[in-house]
Amino acid sequence: MLLVPNHSHLQPQHIASTTAMLILVLGHLTVSQWSDLKAERFSSVLLLHHLQRDFHPDLATV
């Protein structure tokens, strides 16, 4: 994630690019790991918890 020092607000362009990046990352994970997740039979709750745990630190710094 790109961090802008000494700025209390984010530029709209930064928000849009960050959102697009997250969508691409989540999409890539979904495509690349779908067979593994399906094989392990993760429930939607466990999958959601897994994604929140992995991305929460990044989202907190945006």
Protein backbone atom coordinates (compact mmCIF):
# COMPACT_ATOMS: atom_id res chain seq x y z
CA MET A 1 0.00 0.00 0.00
CA LEU A 2 1.17 3.51 -0.71
CA LEU A 3 1.33 5.66 2.39
CA VAL A 4 1.31 9.45 2.20
CA PRO A 5 3.28 10.91 5.13
CA ASN A 6 2.13 14.08 6.89
CA HIS A 7 -1.33 13.95 5.31
CA SER A 8 -4.45 13.53 7.41
CA HIS A 9 -6.64 12.76 4.37
CA LEU A 10 -6.34 10.61 1.27
CA GLN A 11 -6.60 11.88 -2.27
CA PRO A 12 -9.58 10.50 -4.25
CA GLN A 13 -7.16 9.05 -6.82
CA HIS A 14 -5.32 7.20 -4.05
CA ILE A 15 -8.55 5.77 -2.69
CA ALA A 16 -9.59 4.60 -6.15
CA SER A 17 -6.22 3.01 -6.90
CA THR A 18 -6.14 1.31 -3.50
CA THR A 19 -9.66 -0.05 -4.01
CA ALA A 20 -8.74 -1.35 -7.46
CA MET A 21 -5.61 -2.97 -6.03
CA LEU A 22 -7.59 -4.73 -3.30
CA ILE A 23 -10.12 -5.98 -5.87
CA LEU A 24 -7.32 -7.35 -8.04
CA VAL A 25 -5.59 -9.00 -5.07
CA LEU A 26 -8.81 -10.56 -3.78
CA GLY A 27 -9.70 -11.70 -7.29
CA HIS A 28 -6.27 -13.27 -7.74
CA LEU A 29 -6.52 -15.08 -4.42
CA THR A 30 -10.00 -16.31 -5.28
CA VAL A 31 -8.89 -17.69 -8.65
CA SER A 32 -5.56 -19.14 -7.54
CA GLN A 33 -6.73 -20.67 -4.27
CA TRP A 34 -10.32 -21.63 -5.12
CA SER A 35 -9.55 -25.30 -5.75
CA ASP A 36 -7.56 -25.52 -2.51
CA LEU A 37 -10.26 -23.80 -0.50
CA LYS A 38 -12.95 -25.97 -2.06
CA ALA A 39 -10.90 -29.09 -1.39
CA GLU A 40 -10.48 -28.13 2.24
CA ARG A 41 -14.19 -27.23 2.38
CA PHE A 42 -13.82 -23.89 4.11
CA SER A 43 -17.13 -22.40 5.13
CA SER A 44 -17.86 -18.85 3.99
CA VAL A 45 -17.42 -17.70 7.60
CA LEU A 46 -13.94 -19.20 7.90
CA LEU A 47 -12.95 -17.81 4.50
CA LEU A 48 -14.18 -14.34 5.47
CA HIS A 49 -12.30 -14.55 8.77
CA HIS A 50 -9.16 -15.65 6.88
CA LEU A 51 -9.36 -12.71 4.46
CA GLN A 52 -10.07 -10.20 7.24
CA ARG A 53 -7.13 -11.48 9.27
CA ASP A 54 -4.76 -11.28 6.28
CA PHE A 55 -5.86 -7.86 5.02
CA HIS A 56 -6.77 -6.08 8.26
CA PRO A 57 -3.23 -4.71 8.86
CA ASP A 58 -3.09 -3.30 5.31
CA LEU A 59 -6.58 -1.84 5.51
CA ALA A 60 -5.78 -0.22 8.84
CA THR A 61 -2.87 1.69 7.29
CA VAL A 62 -4.80 3.01 4.29
